[in-house]
């Protein structure tokens, strides 16, 4: 099986040990991609050269008092200390299932640690090792912006028939806002179920009610169009940096899904050209991308799924098959390494990676 990773790098990419099993695409700069965090593909060295050894000592000293969660997108140097790895919601539930752990150490970003803190007991302490570790997508929806946006919807006369749905990748304040207004929180795995439920609260998918989906416009658009069968014209984008979100009263009235102008800074850098390029380079390749990718990327792919879906799909893939994975670099490298250790496996070639 070949796991091919489509990379959204912006510069040259050099592996420490070049291998014929590694195929790299998507190099160079895409001036038409969304702006965000740039990654050349090469990971910088730790700021403290003794950091790994210090972590090893601390891990041994804490023993079972600490339960360490490692998000899929963390580097191998961090994942080696994790008791469990996974996506953000899975890890928060794993933390809740360990009530005897005094310390929950979440190796991820701020909103992930918040989620774990919500689900664990008051007796437990949730620790984010780097308080500056943030998610650019979550940071694109501040609570004051969302509250102002709701006022715009109220002034347009549509707030009373709008249900907010927020993605897991949002702050606790946004999740609380959603609850206060009768909405729900979704993951990339259950976004379709959540959006259908939201529409059911305001007359159903074929009615006139609306969904405010935040903060990821791409997950919202892909869910509305590809899963619920709405049209692109029925989706509008609310830009919190423009007066009234950049939308007229008529546009808000006609819309079925109001998408927040947010995105993943990494998944947003994949392009449809990346997909066509890999198909030319690797005949028969199967392209699997994350639903945070842009609509044109998702429609060009063979499959779309959450991080956990991607992990399961590659684990079950037929030996000898070739895969191009559109998601985060560290995860793709680990998936590629796993396929190389399986019996009857052909060369594993990460082709490019991107976020969340």
Protein backbone atom coordinates (compact mmCIF):
# COMPACT_ATOMS: atom_id res chain seq x y z
CA UNK A 1 0.00 0.00 0.00
CA UNK A 2 1.26 3.45 -0.80
CA UNK A 3 0.16 6.35 1.35
CA UNK A 4 0.75 9.43 -0.74
CA UNK A 5 0.64 12.72 1.03
CA UNK A 6 -0.22 15.87 -0.87
CA UNK A 7 1.81 18.66 0.68
CA UNK A 8 0.80 22.30 0.92
CA UNK A 9 4.36 23.44 1.39
CA UNK A 10 5.49 26.85 0.32
CA UNK A 11 9.17 26.15 -0.23
CA UNK A 12 11.59 23.31 -0.83
CA UNK A 13 11.15 20.12 1.13
CA UNK A 14 14.11 17.97 2.18
CA UNK A 15 13.81 14.71 4.08
CA UNK A 16 16.63 13.96 6.56
CA UNK A 17 17.24 10.68 4.70
CA UNK A 18 16.05 10.81 1.08
CA UNK A 19 14.19 7.70 0.02
CA UNK A 20 12.86 6.37 -3.27
CA UNK A 21 9.68 5.64 -1.34
CA UNK A 22 9.01 9.33 -0.78
CA UNK A 23 7.23 11.33 -3.45
CA UNK A 24 6.83 15.04 -2.79
CA UNK A 25 4.37 17.24 -4.59
CA UNK A 26 2.74 20.61 -4.03
CA UNK A 27 6.03 22.44 -3.65
CA UNK A 28 6.36 26.11 -4.37
CA UNK A 29 3.99 28.95 -3.58
CA UNK A 30 0.31 29.03 -4.46
CA UNK A 31 -0.63 32.70 -4.66
CA UNK A 32 -4.31 31.81 -4.92
CA UNK A 33 -4.47 29.79 -1.71
CA UNK A 34 -5.80 31.20 1.54
CA UNK A 35 -3.29 33.02 3.64
CA UNK A 36 -2.27 31.45 6.88
CA UNK A 37 0.54 29.66 8.62
CA UNK A 38 3.30 28.82 6.18
CA UNK A 39 5.23 25.58 6.52
CA UNK A 40 8.24 24.70 4.41
CA UNK A 41 7.86 21.04 5.34
CA UNK A 42 11.03 20.94 7.43
CA UNK A 43 10.28 20.94 11.15
CA UNK A 44 12.44 23.22 13.30
CA UNK A 45 14.52 21.78 16.08
CA UNK A 46 13.25 22.14 19.63
CA UNK A 47 14.14 25.51 21.17
CA UNK A 48 15.60 23.63 24.13
CA UNK A 49 17.94 20.79 23.03
CA UNK A 50 17.39 19.06 26.37
CA UNK A 51 13.59 19.26 26.13
CA UNK A 52 12.97 15.59 25.26
CA UNK A 53 15.19 14.35 28.07
CA UNK A 54 13.53 16.68 30.56
CA UNK A 55 10.13 15.44 29.41
CA UNK A 56 11.27 11.85 29.88
CA UNK A 57 12.37 12.57 33.45
CA UNK A 58 9.13 14.38 34.25
CA UNK A 59 7.06 11.55 32.76
CA UNK A 60 8.85 9.01 34.96
CA UNK A 61 8.49 11.17 38.08
CA UNK A 62 4.74 11.73 37.64
CA UNK A 63 3.97 8.12 36.80
CA UNK A 64 0.26 7.29 36.87
CA UNK A 65 -0.58 10.68 38.39
CA UNK A 66 -0.42 12.08 34.86
CA UNK A 67 -2.40 11.05 31.80
CA UNK A 68 -0.87 12.44 28.62
CA UNK A 69 -2.95 13.14 25.51
CA UNK A 70 -1.19 13.56 22.17
CA UNK A 71 -3.08 15.06 19.26
CA UNK A 72 -2.55 13.41 15.87
CA UNK A 73 -0.82 16.51 14.54
CA UNK A 74 1.96 16.57 17.13
CA UNK A 75 5.54 15.68 16.29
CA UNK A 76 6.89 12.19 16.99
CA UNK A 77 9.08 13.58 19.77
CA UNK A 78 5.87 14.46 21.63
CA UNK A 79 3.73 11.49 20.62
CA UNK A 80 6.29 9.11 22.15
CA UNK A 81 5.21 10.29 25.61
CA UNK A 82 1.46 10.12 24.99
CA UNK A 83 -0.68 7.52 26.72
CA UNK A 84 -3.22 7.90 23.93
CA UNK A 85 -3.32 9.76 20.63
CA UNK A 86 -6.26 10.87 18.53
CA UNK A 87 -8.32 13.85 17.44
CA UNK A 88 -9.41 16.57 19.85
CA UNK A 89 -12.84 15.25 20.88
CA UNK A 90 -11.66 11.66 21.21
CA UNK A 91 -8.85 12.80 23.49
CA UNK A 92 -11.21 14.89 25.62
CA UNK A 93 -13.40 11.83 26.11
CA UNK A 94 -10.33 9.71 26.88
CA UNK A 95 -9.46 12.21 29.61
CA UNK A 96 -12.97 12.01 31.06
CA UNK A 97 -12.61 8.23 31.18
CA UNK A 98 -9.56 8.54 33.47
CA UNK A 99 -11.01 10.10 36.66
CA UNK A 100 -8.13 8.78 38.76
CA UNK A 101 -5.53 10.82 36.88
CA UNK A 102 -4.55 13.88 38.88
CA UNK A 103 -3.04 15.69 35.90
CA UNK A 104 -4.36 15.66 32.34
CA UNK A 105 -1.57 16.90 30.10
CA UNK A 106 -2.97 17.84 26.70
CA UNK A 107 -0.35 18.08 23.97
CA UNK A 108 -2.42 20.12 21.55
CA UNK A 109 -3.84 23.62 21.32
CA UNK A 110 -5.91 25.85 23.57
CA UNK A 111 -9.45 24.88 22.55
CA UNK A 112 -8.57 21.18 22.94
CA UNK A 113 -7.43 21.64 26.53
CA UNK A 114 -10.58 23.68 27.22
CA UNK A 115 -12.72 20.81 25.96
CA UNK A 116 -10.92 18.31 28.17
CA UNK A 117 -11.30 20.65 31.13
CA UNK A 118 -15.06 20.83 30.53
CA UNK A 119 -15.43 17.05 30.49
CA UNK A 120 -13.14 16.17 33.40
CA UNK A 121 -13.83 16.60 37.10
CA UNK A 122 -13.07 19.68 39.17
CA UNK A 123 -10.51 17.61 41.10
CA UNK A 124 -8.40 17.09 37.98
CA UNK A 125 -6.02 19.65 36.57
CA UNK A 126 -5.82 19.99 32.79
CA UNK A 127 -2.42 21.29 31.70
CA UNK A 128 -1.58 22.78 28.31
CA UNK A 129 2.25 22.63 28.15
CA UNK A 130 2.45 25.66 25.87
CA UNK A 131 -0.15 28.30 26.68
CA UNK A 132 0.70 30.06 23.43
CA UNK A 133 -0.36 27.02 21.39
CA UNK A 134 -3.42 28.17 19.49
CA UNK A 135 -5.57 27.15 16.55
CA UNK A 136 -5.75 29.78 13.83
CA UNK A 137 -9.26 28.66 12.90
CA UNK A 138 -10.57 28.97 16.46
CA UNK A 139 -8.93 32.39 16.69
CA UNK A 140 -10.92 33.55 13.64
CA UNK A 141 -14.12 33.64 15.70
CA UNK A 142 -13.89 35.79 18.82
CA UNK A 143 -16.90 35.82 21.12
CA UNK A 144 -17.50 39.55 20.69
CA UNK A 145 -17.50 39.12 16.91
CA UNK A 146 -20.02 36.29 17.09
CA UNK A 147 -22.29 38.23 19.44
CA UNK A 148 -22.14 41.22 17.08
CA UNK A 149 -22.96 38.92 14.17
CA UNK A 150 -26.02 37.62 16.01
CA UNK A 151 -27.17 41.21 16.45
CA UNK A 152 -26.86 41.67 12.67
CA UNK A 153 -29.04 38.60 12.14
CA UNK A 154 -31.56 39.96 14.65
CA UNK A 155 -31.66 43.34 12.89
CA UNK A 156 -32.25 41.53 9.59
CA UNK A 157 -35.15 39.65 11.17
CA UNK A 158 -33.65 36.17 10.74
CA UNK A 159 -32.13 35.37 14.15
CA UNK A 160 -35.32 33.78 15.47
CA UNK A 161 -35.22 31.17 12.70
CA UNK A 162 -31.47 30.55 12.77
CA UNK A 163 -29.75 27.75 14.71
CA UNK A 164 -26.01 28.12 15.41
CA UNK A 165 -23.75 25.10 14.93
CA UNK A 166 -20.15 25.46 16.01
CA UNK A 167 -17.31 23.16 15.09
CA UNK A 168 -15.33 21.55 17.89
CA UNK A 169 -12.42 23.75 16.82
CA UNK A 170 -13.76 26.79 18.65
CA UNK A 171 -13.33 28.39 22.05
CA UNK A 172 -15.39 27.47 25.09
CA UNK A 173 -17.01 30.91 24.89
CA UNK A 174 -18.27 30.17 21.36
CA UNK A 175 -19.57 26.76 22.44
CA UNK A 176 -21.42 28.42 25.34
CA UNK A 177 -22.88 31.02 22.95
CA UNK A 178 -24.13 28.24 20.71
CA UNK A 179 -25.83 26.52 23.63
CA UNK A 180 -27.50 29.72 24.80
CA UNK A 181 -29.07 30.13 21.37
CA UNK A 182 -30.36 26.59 21.09
CA UNK A 183 -27.58 25.26 18.89
CA UNK A 184 -25.07 22.45 19.09
CA UNK A 185 -21.40 21.56 18.75
CA UNK A 186 -20.21 19.19 16.01
CA UNK A 187 -17.09 17.34 14.93
CA UNK A 188 -15.97 16.74 11.38
CA UNK A 189 -17.37 13.21 11.74
CA UNK A 190 -20.91 14.21 12.71
CA UNK A 191 -21.28 17.60 10.99
CA UNK A 192 -24.00 16.22 8.70
CA UNK A 193 -26.03 14.89 11.63
CA UNK A 194 -25.61 18.16 13.53
CA UNK A 195 -26.65 20.31 10.56
CA UNK A 196 -29.70 18.14 9.82
CA UNK A 197 -30.69 18.38 13.48
CA UNK A 198 -30.30 22.16 13.39
CA UNK A 199 -32.53 22.47 10.33
CA UNK A 200 -35.11 20.23 12.00
CA UNK A 201 -35.40 22.79 14.80
CA UNK A 202 -36.53 25.46 12.29
CA UNK A 203 -38.77 23.61 9.85
CA UNK A 204 -36.44 21.08 8.27
CA UNK A 205 -33.96 21.04 5.44
CA UNK A 206 -36.66 21.96 2.89
CA UNK A 207 -38.11 24.77 4.98
CA UNK A 208 -37.00 28.37 5.33
CA UNK A 209 -34.95 28.14 8.53
CA UNK A 210 -31.24 28.79 8.62
CA UNK A 211 -28.02 27.49 10.14
CA UNK A 212 -25.17 29.73 11.27
CA UNK A 213 -22.10 27.50 10.91
CA UNK A 214 -18.82 28.53 12.49
CA UNK A 215 -15.91 28.95 12.50
CA UNK A 216 -14.90 26.79 9.47
CA UNK A 217 -16.62 27.88 6.27
CA UNK A 218 -15.27 24.91 4.30
CA UNK A 219 -16.59 22.19 6.60
CA UNK A 220 -19.93 24.01 6.69
CA UNK A 221 -20.11 24.42 2.90
CA UNK A 222 -19.02 20.85 2.17
CA UNK A 223 -21.57 19.50 4.63
CA UNK A 224 -24.44 21.65 3.35
CA UNK A 225 -23.81 20.99 -0.34
CA UNK A 226 -22.37 17.48 -0.50
CA UNK A 227 -24.22 15.89 2.42
CA UNK A 228 -27.52 17.79 2.60
CA UNK A 229 -27.91 18.60 -1.08
CA UNK A 230 -28.19 22.37 -0.76
CA UNK A 231 -26.77 24.55 -3.51
CA UNK A 232 -23.72 26.78 -3.29
CA UNK A 233 -26.03 29.74 -3.91
CA UNK A 234 -27.90 28.91 -0.71
CA UNK A 235 -24.69 29.43 1.30
CA UNK A 236 -23.35 32.90 2.12
CA UNK A 237 -20.18 33.88 3.95
CA UNK A 238 -20.37 36.24 6.93
CA UNK A 239 -17.17 38.27 7.23
CA UNK A 240 -16.81 39.65 10.78
CA UNK A 241 -14.36 42.30 9.55
CA UNK A 242 -16.91 43.95 7.25
CA UNK A 243 -19.98 45.99 8.21
CA UNK A 244 -22.99 43.67 8.62
CA UNK A 245 -20.73 40.78 7.66
CA UNK A 246 -20.56 42.10 4.11
CA UNK A 247 -24.11 40.85 3.50
CA UNK A 248 -27.34 42.64 2.70
CA UNK A 249 -30.64 41.98 4.44
CA UNK A 250 -31.84 40.33 1.21
CA UNK A 251 -28.84 37.97 1.13
CA UNK A 252 -29.36 36.95 4.76
CA UNK A 253 -33.06 36.39 4.15
CA UNK A 254 -32.45 34.21 1.08
CA UNK A 255 -29.60 32.16 2.59
CA UNK A 256 -30.10 28.74 4.16
CA UNK A 257 -26.59 28.40 5.58
CA UNK A 258 -24.63 31.37 6.89
CA UNK A 259 -20.96 30.42 6.94
CA UNK A 260 -18.47 32.16 9.20
CA UNK A 261 -15.42 33.42 7.33
CA UNK A 262 -12.91 31.13 8.96
CA UNK A 263 -10.74 28.28 7.73
CA UNK A 264 -7.92 25.94 8.63
CA UNK A 265 -4.65 27.62 7.74
CA UNK A 266 -3.18 24.35 6.50
CA UNK A 267 -6.07 22.46 4.89
CA UNK A 268 -7.03 25.70 3.18
CA UNK A 269 -3.77 25.66 1.24
CA UNK A 270 -4.60 22.51 -0.75
CA UNK A 271 -5.79 23.18 -4.27
CA UNK A 272 -7.61 21.20 -6.94
CA UNK A 273 -4.40 21.39 -8.94
CA UNK A 274 -2.65 19.36 -6.22
CA UNK A 275 -5.21 16.64 -6.81
CA UNK A 276 -4.86 16.65 -10.60
CA UNK A 277 -1.05 16.73 -10.34
CA UNK A 278 -0.91 13.65 -8.13
CA UNK A 279 -3.30 11.77 -10.42
CA UNK A 280 -0.94 12.46 -13.34
CA UNK A 281 2.09 11.38 -11.35
CA UNK A 282 0.60 8.25 -9.78
CA UNK A 283 -1.92 6.41 -11.98
CA UNK A 284 -4.63 4.72 -9.96
CA UNK A 285 -3.96 6.77 -6.83
CA UNK A 286 -6.88 7.19 -4.44
CA UNK A 287 -7.18 10.73 -3.08
CA UNK A 288 -8.51 11.13 0.47
CA UNK A 289 -8.82 14.61 1.98
CA UNK A 290 -10.09 16.21 5.16
CA UNK A 291 -13.45 18.07 4.98
CA UNK A 292 -11.75 21.27 6.10
CA UNK A 293 -10.32 21.47 2.57
CA UNK A 294 -11.90 23.83 0.07
CA UNK A 295 -15.00 22.70 -1.82
CA UNK A 296 -13.19 22.31 -5.14
CA UNK A 297 -10.57 20.10 -3.48
CA UNK A 298 -13.16 17.89 -1.79
CA UNK A 299 -15.14 17.45 -5.02
CA UNK A 300 -11.95 16.53 -6.90
CA UNK A 301 -11.01 13.86 -4.33
CA UNK A 302 -12.19 10.26 -4.21
CA UNK A 303 -13.01 10.31 -0.52
CA UNK A 304 -13.42 12.88 2.22
CA UNK A 305 -13.31 12.17 5.93
CA UNK A 306 -12.26 13.22 9.40
CA UNK A 307 -8.84 12.52 10.83
CA UNK A 308 -10.07 9.31 12.46
CA UNK A 309 -11.68 8.31 9.15
CA UNK A 310 -8.36 8.81 7.39
CA UNK A 311 -6.53 6.69 9.96
CA UNK A 312 -9.09 3.87 9.65
CA UNK A 313 -9.16 4.05 5.86
CA UNK A 314 -5.42 3.58 5.55
CA UNK A 315 -5.40 0.81 8.13
CA UNK A 316 -7.98 -1.08 6.05
CA UNK A 317 -6.53 -0.24 2.62
CA UNK A 318 -5.61 -3.04 0.26
CA UNK A 319 -1.90 -3.91 0.08
CA UNK A 320 -0.39 -2.43 -3.04
CA UNK A 321 -2.88 0.42 -3.24
CA UNK A 322 -1.72 4.03 -3.60
CA UNK A 323 -3.19 6.86 -1.54
CA UNK A 324 -2.79 10.63 -1.59
CA UNK A 325 -3.75 12.10 1.77
CA UNK A 326 -4.67 15.76 2.13
CA UNK A 327 -4.08 16.57 5.78
CA UNK A 328 -1.39 17.51 8.32
CA UNK A 329 2.25 16.59 7.76
CA UNK A 330 3.12 14.86 11.05
CA UNK A 331 0.10 12.57 10.87
CA UNK A 332 0.75 11.66 7.24
CA UNK A 333 4.36 10.78 7.96
CA UNK A 334 3.29 8.43 10.76
CA UNK A 335 0.64 6.84 8.55
CA UNK A 336 3.22 6.34 5.81
CA UNK A 337 5.62 4.74 8.29
CA UNK A 338 2.91 2.36 9.51
CA UNK A 339 2.13 1.15 6.00
CA UNK A 340 5.79 0.29 5.42
CA UNK A 341 5.73 -2.14 8.34
CA UNK A 342 2.67 -4.10 7.15
CA UNK A 343 3.04 -7.50 5.44
CA UNK A 344 2.69 -7.46 1.64
CA UNK A 345 3.00 -3.70 1.59
CA UNK A 346 4.53 -1.90 -1.36
CA UNK A 347 6.48 1.34 -1.09
CA UNK A 348 4.83 4.03 1.03
CA UNK A 349 5.16 7.44 -0.51
CA UNK A 350 3.87 10.47 1.36
CA UNK A 351 3.05 12.87 -1.44
CA UNK A 352 2.10 16.06 0.33
CA UNK A 353 0.52 17.28 3.51
CA UNK A 354 -1.09 20.28 4.87
CA UNK A 355 -3.81 21.38 9.27
CA UNK A 356 -5.94 21.54 11.26
